[in-house]
PDB file of N, CA and C in Angstrom:
ATOM      1  N   MET A   1     -60.715  19.687 -14.019  1.00  0.00           N
ATOM      2  CA  MET A   1     -60.865  18.816 -14.990  1.00  0.00           C
ATOM      3  C   MET A   1     -59.675  19.162 -15.904  1.00  0.00           C
ATOM      4  N   ARG A   2     -59.429  20.425 -16.328  1.00  0.00           N
ATOM      5  CA  ARG A   2     -58.202  20.588 -16.963  1.00  0.00           C
ATOM      6  C   ARG A   2     -56.959  20.218 -16.386  1.00  0.00           C
ATOM      7  N   LEU A   3     -56.664  20.349 -15.122  1.00  0.00           N
ATOM      8  CA  LEU A   3     -55.553  19.967 -14.275  1.00  0.00           C
ATOM      9  C   LEU A   3     -55.274  18.493 -14.477  1.00  0.00           C
ATOM     10  N   SER A   4     -56.272  17.698 -14.399  1.00  0.00           N
ATOM     11  CA  SER A   4     -55.972  16.283 -14.445  1.00  0.00           C
ATOM     12  C   SER A   4     -55.672  16.030 -15.936  1.00  0.00           C
ATOM     13  N   GLN A   5     -56.146  16.689 -16.806  1.00  0.00           N
ATOM     14  CA  GLN A   5     -55.607  16.240 -18.357  1.00  0.00           C
ATOM     15  C   GLN A   5     -54.255  16.885 -18.537  1.00  0.00           C
ATOM     16  N   VAL A   6     -53.872  17.933 -17.857  1.00  0.00           N
ATOM     17  CA  VAL A   6     -52.590  18.442 -18.116  1.00  0.00           C
ATOM     18  C   VAL A   6     -51.499  17.610 -17.369  1.00  0.00           C
ATOM     19  N   LEU A   7     -51.874  17.110 -16.241  1.00  0.00           N
ATOM     20  CA  LEU A   7     -51.111  16.122 -15.534  1.00  0.00           C
ATOM     21  C   LEU A   7     -50.988  14.785 -16.251  1.00  0.00           C
ATOM     22  N   LEU A   8     -51.994  14.326 -16.969  1.00  0.00           N
ATOM     23  CA  LEU A   8     -51.967  13.157 -17.763  1.00  0.00           C
ATOM     24  C   LEU A   8     -50.947  13.209 -19.045  1.00  0.00           C
ATOM     25  N   VAL A   9     -50.921  14.333 -19.670  1.00  0.00           N
ATOM     26  CA  VAL A   9     -50.171  14.599 -20.740  1.00  0.00           C
ATOM     27  C   VAL A   9     -48.616  14.783 -20.249  1.00  0.00           C
ATOM     28  N   ILE A  10     -48.578  15.350 -19.065  1.00  0.00           N
ATOM     29  CA  ILE A  10     -47.080  15.399 -18.576  1.00  0.00           C
ATOM     30  C   ILE A  10     -46.741  13.979 -18.215  1.00  0.00           C
ATOM     31  N   ALA A  11     -47.436  13.248 -17.576  1.00  0.00           N
ATOM     32  CA  ALA A  11     -46.867  11.802 -17.259  1.00  0.00           C
ATOM     33  C   ALA A  11     -46.622  10.990 -18.416  1.00  0.00           C
ATOM     34  N   ALA A  12     -47.639  11.201 -19.602  1.00  0.00           N
ATOM     35  CA  ALA A  12     -47.309  10.402 -20.666  1.00  0.00           C
ATOM     36  C   ALA A  12     -46.102  10.964 -21.552  1.00  0.00           C
ATOM     37  N   ALA A  13     -45.778  12.198 -21.361  1.00  0.00           N
ATOM     38  CA  ALA A  13     -44.605  12.613 -21.888  1.00  0.00           C
ATOM     39  C   ALA A  13     -43.439  12.108 -21.291  1.00  0.00           C
ATOM     40  N   MET A  14     -43.481  12.213 -20.076  1.00  0.00           N
ATOM     41  CA  MET A  14     -42.298  11.571 -19.271  1.00  0.00           C
ATOM     42  C   MET A  14     -42.022  10.118 -19.483  1.00  0.00           C
ATOM     43  N   LEU A  15     -43.218   9.416 -19.639  1.00  0.00           N
ATOM     44  CA  LEU A  15     -43.001   8.062 -19.616  1.00  0.00           C
ATOM     45  C   LEU A  15     -42.658   7.683 -21.068  1.00  0.00           C
ATOM     46  N   ALA A  16     -42.967   8.415 -22.084  1.00  0.00           N
ATOM     47  CA  ALA A  16     -42.509   8.131 -23.454  1.00  0.00           C
ATOM     48  C   ALA A  16     -41.085   8.438 -23.521  1.00  0.00           C
ATOM     49  N   ALA A  17     -40.440   9.424 -22.896  1.00  0.00           N
ATOM     50  CA  ALA A  17     -39.071   9.965 -22.786  1.00  0.00           C
ATOM     51  C   ALA A  17     -38.162   8.916 -22.187  1.00  0.00           C
ATOM     52  N   SER A  18     -38.706   8.205 -21.393  1.00  0.00           N
ATOM     53  CA  SER A  18     -37.801   7.489 -20.248  1.00  0.00           C
ATOM     54  C   SER A  18     -37.922   6.054 -21.036  1.00  0.00           C
ATOM     55  N   ASP A  19     -36.926   4.941 -20.428  1.00  0.00           N
ATOM     56  CA  ASP A  19     -36.680   3.746 -20.992  1.00  0.00           C
ATOM     57  C   ASP A  19     -37.783   2.709 -20.474  1.00  0.00           C
ATOM     58  N   ALA A  20     -38.739   3.317 -19.693  1.00  0.00           N
ATOM     59  CA  ALA A  20     -39.556   2.330 -19.065  1.00  0.00           C
ATOM     60  C   ALA A  20     -40.459   1.220 -19.863  1.00  0.00           C
ATOM     61  N   LEU A  21     -40.767   1.614 -20.963  1.00  0.00           N
ATOM     62  CA  LEU A  21     -41.720   1.177 -21.941  1.00  0.00           C
ATOM     63  C   LEU A  21     -40.949   0.297 -23.059  1.00  0.00           C
ATOM     64  N   SER A  22     -39.575   0.576 -23.144  1.00  0.00           N
ATOM     65  CA  SER A  22     -38.843   0.056 -24.379  1.00  0.00           C
ATOM     66  C   SER A  22     -38.429  -1.393 -23.978  1.00  0.00           C
ATOM     67  N   ASP A  23     -38.066  -2.152 -25.066  1.00  0.00           N
ATOM     68  CA  ASP A  23     -37.686  -3.539 -24.983  1.00  0.00           C
ATOM     69  C   ASP A  23     -36.338  -3.657 -24.537  1.00  0.00           C
ATOM     70  N   SER A  24     -36.059  -4.313 -23.606  1.00  0.00           N
ATOM     71  CA  SER A  24     -34.693  -4.379 -22.889  1.00  0.00           C
ATOM     72  C   SER A  24     -33.655  -4.952 -23.929  1.00  0.00           C
ATOM     73  N   ASP A  25     -33.945  -6.011 -24.574  1.00  0.00           N
ATOM     74  CA  ASP A  25     -33.209  -6.500 -25.634  1.00  0.00           C
ATOM     75  C   ASP A  25     -32.704  -5.464 -26.821  1.00  0.00           C
ATOM     76  N   VAL A  26     -33.433  -4.613 -27.047  1.00  0.00           N
ATOM     77  CA  VAL A  26     -33.087  -3.689 -28.228  1.00  0.00           C
ATOM     78  C   VAL A  26     -32.587  -2.289 -27.609  1.00  0.00           C
ATOM     79  N   ALA A  27     -33.171  -1.835 -26.613  1.00  0.00           N
ATOM     80  CA  ALA A  27     -32.750  -0.390 -26.231  1.00  0.00           C
ATOM     81  C   ALA A  27     -31.344  -0.456 -25.301  1.00  0.00           C
ATOM     82  N   SER A  28     -31.127  -1.347 -24.415  1.00  0.00           N
ATOM     83  CA  SER A  28     -29.944  -1.126 -23.547  1.00  0.00           C
ATOM     84  C   SER A  28     -28.909  -2.044 -23.803  1.00  0.00           C
ATOM     85  N   ILE A  29     -28.732  -3.004 -24.763  1.00  0.00           N
ATOM     86  CA  ILE A  29     -27.642  -3.845 -25.119  1.00  0.00           C
ATOM     87  C   ILE A  29     -27.061  -3.179 -26.622  1.00  0.00           C
ATOM     88  N   SER A  30     -25.894  -2.830 -26.214  1.00  0.00           N
ATOM     89  CA  SER A  30     -24.928  -2.198 -27.263  1.00  0.00           C
ATOM     90  C   SER A  30     -24.348  -3.221 -28.104  1.00  0.00           C
ATOM     91  N   LYS A  31     -24.231  -3.197 -29.428  1.00  0.00           N
ATOM     92  CA  LYS A  31     -23.517  -4.154 -30.197  1.00  0.00           C
ATOM     93  C   LYS A  31     -22.074  -4.020 -29.929  1.00  0.00           C
ATOM     94  N   GLY A  32     -21.728  -3.020 -29.711  1.00  0.00           N
ATOM     95  CA  GLY A  32     -19.985  -2.740 -29.609  1.00  0.00           C
ATOM     96  C   GLY A  32     -19.483  -3.344 -28.412  1.00  0.00           C
ATOM     97  N   ALA A  33     -20.409  -3.761 -27.367  1.00  0.00           N
ATOM     98  CA  ALA A  33     -19.852  -4.237 -26.262  1.00  0.00           C
ATOM     99  C   ALA A  33     -19.980  -5.671 -26.077  1.00  0.00           C
ATOM    100  N   LEU A  34     -20.343  -6.347 -27.158  1.00  0.00           N
ATOM    101  CA  LEU A  34     -20.572  -7.685 -27.107  1.00  0.00           C
ATOM    102  C   LEU A  34     -19.141  -8.369 -27.511  1.00  0.00           C
ATOM    103  N   PRO A  35     -18.809  -9.494 -26.714  1.00  0.00           N
ATOM    104  CA  PRO A  35     -17.484 -10.044 -26.870  1.00  0.00           C
ATOM    105  C   PRO A  35     -17.313 -10.582 -28.356  1.00  0.00           C
ATOM    106  N   SER A  36     -18.377 -10.900 -28.949  1.00  0.00           N
ATOM    107  CA  SER A  36     -18.483 -11.648 -30.262  1.00  0.00           C
ATOM    108  C   SER A  36     -18.135 -10.841 -31.493  1.00  0.00           C
ATOM    109  N   GLY A  37     -17.968  -9.510 -31.225  1.00  0.00           N
ATOM    110  CA  GLY A  37     -17.508  -8.592 -32.199  1.00  0.00           C
ATOM    111  C   GLY A  37     -16.315  -8.977 -32.879  1.00  0.00           C
ATOM    112  N   PRO A  38     -16.225  -8.683 -34.230  1.00  0.00           N
ATOM    113  CA  PRO A  38     -15.097  -9.070 -35.060  1.00  0.00           C
ATOM    114  C   PRO A  38     -13.802  -8.541 -34.756  1.00  0.00           C
ATOM    115  N   SER A  39     -13.870  -7.195 -34.102  1.00  0.00           N
ATOM    116  CA  SER A  39     -12.571  -6.561 -33.631  1.00  0.00           C
ATOM    117  C   SER A  39     -12.373  -6.354 -32.224  1.00  0.00           C
ATOM    118  N   GLN A  40     -12.942  -7.270 -31.542  1.00  0.00           N
ATOM    119  CA  GLN A  40     -12.788  -7.160 -29.938  1.00  0.00           C
ATOM    120  C   GLN A  40     -11.560  -7.422 -29.615  1.00  0.00           C
ATOM    121  N   ARG A  41     -10.886  -6.579 -28.839  1.00  0.00           N
ATOM    122  CA  ARG A  41      -9.599  -6.842 -28.378  1.00  0.00           C
ATOM    123  C   ARG A  41      -9.600  -7.023 -26.740  1.00  0.00           C
ATOM    124  N   LEU A  42      -8.822  -7.678 -26.355  1.00  0.00           N
ATOM    125  CA  LEU A  42      -8.512  -8.128 -25.082  1.00  0.00           C
ATOM    126  C   LEU A  42      -7.271  -7.383 -24.393  1.00  0.00           C
ATOM    127  N   LEU A  43      -7.660  -6.132 -23.653  1.00  0.00           N
ATOM    128  CA  LEU A  43      -6.541  -5.387 -23.192  1.00  0.00           C
ATOM    129  C   LEU A  43      -5.871  -5.883 -21.758  1.00  0.00           C
ATOM    130  N   ARG A  44      -6.696  -6.651 -21.033  1.00  0.00           N
ATOM    131  CA  ARG A  44      -6.125  -7.260 -19.902  1.00  0.00           C
ATOM    132  C   ARG A  44      -5.537  -8.666 -19.974  1.00  0.00           C
ATOM    133  N   THR A  45      -4.543  -8.895 -19.497  1.00  0.00           N
ATOM    134  CA  THR A  45      -4.071 -10.333 -19.395  1.00  0.00           C
ATOM    135  C   THR A  45      -3.955 -10.800 -17.977  1.00  0.00           C
ATOM    136  N   HIS A  46      -4.209 -12.142 -18.011  1.00  0.00           N
ATOM    137  CA  HIS A  46      -4.214 -12.847 -16.561  1.00  0.00           C
ATOM    138  C   HIS A  46      -3.143 -13.749 -16.578  1.00  0.00           C
ATOM    139  N   HIS A  47      -2.146 -13.525 -15.865  1.00  0.00           N
ATOM    140  CA  HIS A  47      -1.136 -14.318 -15.872  1.00  0.00           C
ATOM    141  C   HIS A  47      -1.236 -15.469 -14.814  1.00  0.00           C
ATOM    142  N   ALA A  48      -0.890 -16.876 -15.438  1.00  0.00           N
ATOM    143  CA  ALA A  48      -0.902 -17.798 -14.328  1.00  0.00           C
ATOM    144  C   ALA A  48       0.123 -17.818 -13.333  1.00  0.00           C
ATOM    145  N   TYR A  49      -0.129 -17.972 -12.265  1.00  0.00           N
ATOM    146  CA  TYR A  49       1.094 -17.994 -10.928  1.00  0.00           C
ATOM    147  C   TYR A  49       1.561 -19.348 -10.766  1.00  0.00           C
ATOM    148  N   ASP A  50       2.883 -19.505 -10.783  1.00  0.00           N
ATOM    149  CA  ASP A  50       3.516 -20.697 -10.487  1.00  0.00           C
ATOM    150  C   ASP A  50       3.395 -20.921  -9.230  1.00  0.00           C
ATOM    151  N   THR A  51       2.757 -22.010  -8.849  1.00  0.00           N
ATOM    152  CA  THR A  51       2.500 -22.605  -7.507  1.00  0.00           C
ATOM    153  C   THR A  51       3.231 -23.747  -7.235  1.00  0.00           C
ATOM    154  N   THR A  52       4.354 -24.006  -7.473  1.00  0.00           N
ATOM    155  CA  THR A  52       5.138 -25.230  -7.528  1.00  0.00           C
ATOM    156  C   THR A  52       5.834 -25.003  -6.080  1.00  0.00           C
ATOM    157  N   ALA A  53       6.253 -26.110  -5.545  1.00  0.00           N
ATOM    158  CA  ALA A  53       6.975 -26.082  -4.399  1.00  0.00           C
ATOM    159  C   ALA A  53       8.188 -25.513  -4.328  1.00  0.00           C
ATOM    160  N   ASP A  54       8.882 -25.336  -5.489  1.00  0.00           N
ATOM    161  CA  ASP A  54      10.264 -24.735  -5.459  1.00  0.00           C
ATOM    162  C   ASP A  54      10.199 -23.258  -5.237  1.00  0.00           C
ATOM    163  N   THR A  55       9.007 -22.458  -5.773  1.00  0.00           N
ATOM    164  CA  THR A  55       8.927 -21.238  -5.691  1.00  0.00           C
ATOM    165  C   THR A  55       8.309 -20.684  -4.377  1.00  0.00           C
ATOM    166  N   GLU A  56       7.785 -21.613  -3.477  1.00  0.00           N
ATOM    167  CA  GLU A  56       7.365 -21.132  -2.133  1.00  0.00           C
ATOM    168  C   GLU A  56       8.496 -20.957  -1.049  1.00  0.00           C
ATOM    169  N   GLU A  57       8.150 -19.911  -0.375  1.00  0.00           N
ATOM    170  CA  GLU A  57       9.044 -19.679   0.810  1.00  0.00           C
ATOM    171  C   GLU A  57       8.862 -20.579   1.677  1.00  0.00           C
ATOM    172  N   ARG A  58      10.025 -21.301   2.197  1.00  0.00           N
ATOM    173  CA  ARG A  58       9.936 -22.368   3.149  1.00  0.00           C
ATOM    174  C   ARG A  58      10.529 -21.835   4.573  1.00  0.00           C
ATOM    175  N   ALA A  59       9.910 -22.298   5.643  1.00  0.00           N
ATOM    176  CA  ALA A  59      10.480 -22.050   7.079  1.00  0.00           C
ATOM    177  C   ALA A  59      11.538 -23.300   7.408  1.00  0.00           C
ATOM    178  N   ALA A  60      11.900 -23.279   8.530  1.00  0.00           N
ATOM    179  CA  ALA A  60      12.573 -24.385   9.153  1.00  0.00           C
ATOM    180  C   ALA A  60      11.587 -25.531   9.308  1.00  0.00           C
ATOM    181  N   PRO A  61      12.002 -26.769   9.365  1.00  0.00           N
ATOM    182  CA  PRO A  61      11.389 -27.981   9.843  1.00  0.00           C
ATOM    183  C   PRO A  61      10.878 -27.984  11.011  1.00  0.00           C
ATOM    184  N   LEU A  62       9.711 -28.316  11.143  1.00  0.00           N
ATOM    185  CA  LEU A  62       9.008 -28.363  12.479  1.00  0.00           C
ATOM    186  C   LEU A  62       9.758 -29.136  13.638  1.00  0.00           C
ATOM    187  N   GLU A  63      10.396 -30.128  13.310  1.00  0.00           N
ATOM    188  CA  GLU A  63      11.317 -30.743  14.451  1.00  0.00           C
ATOM    189  C   GLU A  63      12.538 -29.946  14.775  1.00  0.00           C
ATOM    190  N   ARG A  64      13.001 -29.149  14.045  1.00  0.00           N
ATOM    191  CA  ARG A  64      14.094 -28.138  14.421  1.00  0.00           C
ATOM    192  C   ARG A  64      13.476 -27.157  15.234  1.00  0.00           C
ATOM    193  N   ILE A  65      12.276 -26.598  14.931  1.00  0.00           N
ATOM    194  CA  ILE A  65      11.611 -25.538  15.761  1.00  0.00           C
ATOM    195  C   ILE A  65      11.200 -26.188  17.028  1.00  0.00           C
ATOM    196  N   ASN A  66      10.820 -27.427  17.228  1.00  0.00           N
ATOM    197  CA  ASN A  66      10.494 -27.946  18.453  1.00  0.00           C
ATOM    198  C   ASN A  66      11.570 -28.092  19.431  1.00  0.00           C
ATOM    199  N   SER A  67      12.822 -28.568  18.714  1.00  0.00           N
ATOM    200  CA  SER A  67      14.052 -28.984  19.566  1.00  0.00           C
ATOM    201  C   SER A  67      14.513 -27.423  20.107  1.00  0.00           C
ATOM    202  N   LEU A  68      14.415 -26.301  19.166  1.00  0.00           N
ATOM    203  CA  LEU A  68      14.865 -25.018  19.693  1.00  0.00           C
ATOM    204  C   LEU A  68      13.960 -24.612  20.848  1.00  0.00           C
ATOM    205  N   ALA A  69      12.616 -24.829  20.825  1.00  0.00           N
ATOM    206  CA  ALA A  69      11.661 -24.447  21.774  1.00  0.00           C
ATOM    207  C   ALA A  69      11.966 -25.324  22.981  1.00  0.00           C
ATOM    208  N   LYS A  70      12.494 -26.451  22.944  1.00  0.00           N
ATOM    209  CA  LYS A  70      12.689 -27.234  24.173  1.00  0.00           C
ATOM    210  C   LYS A  70      14.116 -26.865  24.763  1.00  0.00           C
ATOM    211  N   LYS A  71      14.906 -26.210  23.984  1.00  0.00           N
ATOM    212  CA  LYS A  71      16.257 -25.688  24.744  1.00  0.00           C
ATOM    213  C   LYS A  71      15.934 -24.503  25.405  1.00  0.00           C
ATOM    214  N   PHE A  72      14.917 -23.762  25.066  1.00  0.00           N
ATOM    215  CA  PHE A  72      14.621 -22.543  25.879  1.00  0.00           C
ATOM    216  C   PHE A  72      13.413 -22.872  26.944  1.00  0.00           C
ATOM    217  N   ASP A  73      13.061 -24.037  26.974  1.00  0.00           N
ATOM    218  CA  ASP A  73      11.952 -24.591  27.937  1.00  0.00           C
ATOM    219  C   ASP A  73      10.815 -23.906  27.404  1.00  0.00           C
ATOM    220  N   ILE A  74      10.463 -23.724  26.264  1.00  0.00           N
ATOM    221  CA  ILE A  74       9.017 -23.338  25.917  1.00  0.00           C
ATOM    222  C   ILE A  74       8.210 -24.378  25.329  1.00  0.00           C
ATOM    223  N   ASP A  75       6.917 -24.466  25.749  1.00  0.00           N
ATOM    224  CA  ASP A  75       5.999 -25.339  25.409  1.00  0.00           C
ATOM    225  C   ASP A  75       5.092 -25.011  24.151  1.00  0.00           C
ATOM    226  N   LEU A  76       5.401 -25.279  22.833  1.00  0.00           N
ATOM    227  CA  LEU A  76       4.751 -24.799  21.639  1.00  0.00           C
ATOM    228  C   LEU A  76       3.290 -25.169  21.560  1.00  0.00           C
ATOM    229  N   LYS A  77       2.866 -26.349  22.203  1.00  0.00           N
ATOM    230  CA  LYS A  77       1.360 -26.702  22.367  1.00  0.00           C
ATOM    231  C   LYS A  77       0.705 -25.609  23.284  1.00  0.00           C
ATOM    232  N   ARG A  78       1.413 -25.046  24.503  1.00  0.00           N
ATOM    233  CA  ARG A  78       0.583 -24.218  25.313  1.00  0.00           C
ATOM    234  C   ARG A  78       0.784 -22.749  24.609  1.00  0.00           C
ATOM    235  N   ALA A  79       1.603 -22.620  23.624  1.00  0.00           N
ATOM    236  CA  ALA A  79       1.695 -21.164  23.126  1.00  0.00           C
ATOM    237  C   ALA A  79       0.651 -20.582  22.532  1.00  0.00           C
ATOM    238  N   LYS A  80      -0.309 -21.372  22.197  1.00  0.00           N
ATOM    239  CA  LYS A  80      -1.719 -20.684  21.616  1.00  0.00           C
ATOM    240  C   LYS A  80      -2.583 -20.108  22.688  1.00  0.00           C
ATOM    241  N   GLU A  81      -2.243 -20.649  23.995  1.00  0.00           N
ATOM    242  CA  GLU A  81      -3.203 -20.090  25.061  1.00  0.00           C
ATOM    243  C   GLU A  81      -2.991 -18.570  25.177  1.00  0.00           C
ATOM    244  N   PRO A  82      -3.819 -17.825  25.509  1.00  0.00           N
ATOM    245  CA  PRO A  82      -3.725 -16.378  25.563  1.00  0.00           C
ATOM    246  C   PRO A  82      -2.664 -15.944  26.403  1.00  0.00           C
ATOM    247  N   GLY A  83      -2.528 -16.226  27.506  1.00  0.00           N
ATOM    248  CA  GLY A  83      -1.529 -15.820  28.512  1.00  0.00           C
ATOM    249  C   GLY A  83      -0.148 -16.378  28.590  1.00  0.00           C
ATOM    250  N   TYR A  84       0.033 -17.421  27.855  1.00  0.00           N
ATOM    251  CA  TYR A  84       1.252 -18.117  28.040  1.00  0.00           C
ATOM    252  C   TYR A  84       2.457 -17.535  27.783  1.00  0.00           C
ATOM    253  N   MET A  85       2.486 -16.752  26.611  1.00  0.00           N
ATOM    254  CA  MET A  85       3.667 -16.245  26.145  1.00  0.00           C
ATOM    255  C   MET A  85       4.062 -15.012  27.090  1.00  0.00           C
ATOM    256  N   ALA A  86       3.036 -14.416  27.632  1.00  0.00           N
ATOM    257  CA  ALA A  86       3.304 -13.311  28.596  1.00  0.00           C
ATOM    258  C   ALA A  86       3.930 -13.874  29.828  1.00  0.00           C
ATOM    259  N   SER A  87       3.707 -15.115  30.201  1.00  0.00           N
ATOM    260  CA  SER A  87       4.300 -15.656  31.384  1.00  0.00           C
ATOM    261  C   SER A  87       5.674 -16.091  31.240  1.00  0.00           C
ATOM    262  N   ILE A  88       6.211 -16.027  30.089  1.00  0.00           N
ATOM    263  CA  ILE A  88       7.592 -16.254  29.872  1.00  0.00           C
ATOM    264  C   ILE A  88       8.650 -15.261  30.214  1.00  0.00           C
ATOM    265  N   ASN A  89       9.635 -15.464  30.600  1.00  0.00           N
ATOM    266  CA  ASN A  89      10.541 -14.400  31.082  1.00  0.00           C
ATOM    267  C   ASN A  89      11.073 -13.521  29.716  1.00  0.00           C
ATOM    268  N   ALA A  90      10.979 -12.165  29.747  1.00  0.00           N
ATOM    269  CA  ALA A  90      11.126 -11.419  28.574  1.00  0.00           C
ATOM    270  C   ALA A  90      12.503 -11.604  27.978  1.00  0.00           C
ATOM    271  N   ASP A  91      13.519 -11.960  28.689  1.00  0.00           N
ATOM    272  CA  ASP A  91      14.844 -12.100  28.184  1.00  0.00           C
ATOM    273  C   ASP A  91      14.986 -13.439  27.477  1.00  0.00           C
ATOM    274  N   VAL A  92      14.422 -14.492  28.052  1.00  0.00           N
ATOM    275  CA  VAL A  92      14.301 -15.843  27.324  1.00  0.00           C
ATOM    276  C   VAL A  92      13.601 -15.704  26.132  1.00  0.00           C
ATOM    277  N   LEU A  93      12.484 -15.118  26.075  1.00  0.00           N
ATOM    278  CA  LEU A  93      11.781 -14.937  24.894  1.00  0.00           C
ATOM    279  C   LEU A  93      12.280 -14.151  23.689  1.00  0.00           C
ATOM    280  N   GLU A  94      13.050 -13.205  24.289  1.00  0.00           N
ATOM    281  CA  GLU A  94      13.840 -12.332  23.085  1.00  0.00           C
ATOM    282  C   GLU A  94      15.009 -13.247  22.688  1.00  0.00           C
ATOM    283  N   ARG A  95      15.569 -14.116  23.371  1.00  0.00           N
ATOM    284  CA  ARG A  95      16.771 -14.842  22.780  1.00  0.00           C
ATOM    285  C   ARG A  95      16.268 -15.996  21.966  1.00  0.00           C
ATOM    286  N   TYR A  96      14.859 -16.453  22.338  1.00  0.00           N
ATOM    287  CA  TYR A  96      14.190 -17.550  21.622  1.00  0.00           C
ATOM    288  C   TYR A  96      13.957 -16.945  20.234  1.00  0.00           C
ATOM    289  N   GLN A  97      13.157 -15.847  20.128  1.00  0.00           N
ATOM    290  CA  GLN A  97      12.669 -15.347  18.971  1.00  0.00           C
ATOM    291  C   GLN A  97      13.988 -14.917  18.128  1.00  0.00           C
ATOM    292  N   ALA A  98      15.195 -14.647  18.579  1.00  0.00           N
ATOM    293  CA  ALA A  98      16.353 -14.117  17.874  1.00  0.00           C
ATOM    294  C   ALA A  98      16.928 -15.496  17.194  1.00  0.00           C
ATOM    295  N   ALA A  99      16.921 -16.547  18.047  1.00  0.00           N
ATOM    296  CA  ALA A  99      17.424 -17.935  17.419  1.00  0.00           C
ATOM    297  C   ALA A  99      16.436 -18.548  16.417  1.00  0.00           C
ATOM    298  N   LEU A 100      15.053 -18.152  16.832  1.00  0.00           N
ATOM    299  CA  LEU A 100      14.115 -18.703  15.617  1.00  0.00           C
ATOM    300  C   LEU A 100      14.157 -18.022  14.533  1.00  0.00           C
ATOM    301  N   SER A 101      14.417 -16.759  14.505  1.00  0.00           N
ATOM    302  CA  SER A 101      14.782 -15.943  13.305  1.00  0.00           C
ATOM    303  C   SER A 101      15.901 -16.411  12.272  1.00  0.00           C
ATOM    304  N   LYS A 102      17.051 -16.728  13.284  1.00  0.00           N
ATOM    305  CA  LYS A 102      18.216 -17.171  12.518  1.00  0.00           C
ATOM    306  C   LYS A 102      17.980 -18.725  12.016  1.00  0.00           C
ATOM    307  N   LEU A 103      17.213 -19.362  12.530  1.00  0.00           N
ATOM    308  CA  LEU A 103      16.940 -20.642  12.000  1.00  0.00           C
ATOM    309  C   LEU A 103      15.997 -20.589  10.839  1.00  0.00           C
ATOM    310  N   HIS A 104      15.031 -19.855  10.829  1.00  0.00           N
ATOM    311  CA  HIS A 104      14.489 -19.620   9.553  1.00  0.00           C
ATOM    312  C   HIS A 104      15.239 -19.044   8.416  1.00  0.00           C
ATOM    313  N   LYS A 105      16.094 -17.935   8.581  1.00  0.00           N
ATOM    314  CA  LYS A 105      16.948 -17.585   7.689  1.00  0.00           C
ATOM    315  C   LYS A 105      17.817 -18.572   7.034  1.00  0.00           C
ATOM    316  N   LYS A 106      18.369 -19.549   7.885  1.00  0.00           N
ATOM    317  CA  LYS A 106      19.020 -20.602   7.371  1.00  0.00           C
ATOM    318  C   LYS A 106      18.172 -21.433   6.237  1.00  0.00           C
ATOM    319  N   PHE A 107      16.968 -21.763   6.549  1.00  0.00           N
ATOM    320  CA  PHE A 107      16.249 -22.645   5.620  1.00  0.00           C
ATOM    321  C   PHE A 107      15.638 -21.772   4.570  1.00  0.00           C
ATOM    322  N   LYS A 108      15.683 -20.530   4.425  1.00  0.00           N
ATOM    323  CA  LYS A 108      14.963 -19.650   3.483  1.00  0.00           C
ATOM    324  C   LYS A 108      15.606 -19.761   2.163  1.00  0.00           C
ATOM    325  N   LYS A 109      14.994 -19.947   0.997  1.00  0.00           N
ATOM    326  CA  LYS A 109      15.485 -20.088  -0.189  1.00  0.00           C
ATOM    327  C   LYS A 109      16.129 -18.642  -0.546  1.00  0.00           C
ATOM    328  N   LYS A 110      17.186 -18.845  -1.375  1.00  0.00           N
ATOM    329  CA  LYS A 110      17.582 -17.500  -1.713  1.00  0.00           C
ATOM    330  C   LYS A 110      17.120 -17.075  -3.093  1.00  0.00           C
ATOM    331  N   LYS A 111      16.686 -15.741  -3.159  1.00  0.00           N
ATOM    332  CA  LYS A 111      16.045 -15.382  -4.314  1.00  0.00           C
ATOM    333  C   LYS A 111      17.105 -14.972  -5.501  1.00  0.00           C
ATOM    334  N   GLU A 112      16.664 -14.998  -6.704  1.00  0.00           N
ATOM    335  CA  GLU A 112      17.319 -14.646  -7.650  1.00  0.00           C
ATOM    336  C   GLU A 112      17.492 -13.174  -7.780  1.00  0.00           C
ATOM    337  N   PRO A 113      18.413 -12.411  -8.131  1.00  0.00           N
ATOM    338  CA  PRO A 113      18.407 -11.021  -8.142  1.00  0.00           C
ATOM    339  C   PRO A 113      17.524 -10.627  -9.231  1.00  0.00           C
ATOM    340  N   LEU A 114      16.969  -9.368  -9.123  1.00  0.00           N
ATOM    341  CA  LEU A 114      16.110  -8.616 -10.144  1.00  0.00           C
ATOM    342  C   LEU A 114      16.860  -8.396 -11.376  1.00  0.00           C
ATOM    343  N   TYR A 115      18.003  -8.113 -11.177  1.00  0.00           N
ATOM    344  CA  TYR A 115      18.760  -7.894 -12.658  1.00  0.00           C
ATOM    345  C   TYR A 115      20.252  -8.458 -12.266  1.00  0.00           C
ATOM    346  N   SER A 116      20.861  -8.696 -13.344  1.00  0.00           N
ATOM    347  CA  SER A 116      22.301  -9.327 -13.346  1.00  0.00           C
ATOM    348  C   SER A 116      23.159  -8.533 -14.148  1.00  0.00           C
ATOM    349  N   GLU A 117      24.553  -8.576 -13.844  1.00  0.00           N
ATOM    350  CA  GLU A 117      25.504  -7.909 -14.848  1.00  0.00           C
ATOM    351  C   GLU A 117      25.457  -8.267 -16.313  1.00  0.00           C
ATOM    352  N   ASP A 118      24.997  -9.351 -16.515  1.00  0.00           N
ATOM    353  CA  ASP A 118      24.870  -9.894 -17.908  1.00  0.00           C
ATOM    354  C   ASP A 118      24.096  -9.098 -18.836  1.00  0.00           C
ATOM    355  N   HIS A 119      22.951  -8.477 -18.216  1.00  0.00           N
ATOM    356  CA  HIS A 119      21.941  -7.884 -19.147  1.00  0.00           C
ATOM    357  C   HIS A 119      22.627  -6.345 -19.584  1.00  0.00           C
ATOM    358  N   PHE A 120      23.527  -6.033 -19.048  1.00  0.00           N
ATOM    359  CA  PHE A 120      23.944  -4.831 -19.300  1.00  0.00           C
ATOM    360  C   PHE A 120      25.069  -4.687 -20.548  1.00  0.00           C
TER     361      PHE A 120
END
């Protein structure tokens, strides 16, 4: 009988010490963490990114890519098939990739330098 009373007292003490019986509005919400506080400062900034077409990196026009592929006898519609690119001669494929890279560089927008002589 005494053992059950001791266990009951221990359980009541543990329950009183925990937040199990407290009101969640009062105990767990801190007044300092609310954004409506008078001295709340925003430490993080979220910059809007410029998504205009002028800032996007562009590749060569599709017509030019298609004409280049025709010069090397490559069917771009079949290029999505799993084994098609492996069936092309390695030398032809290497020359096509080099020419395609050169074509993309031709149409790539030149980036402004990170610094200029005027700043110094």
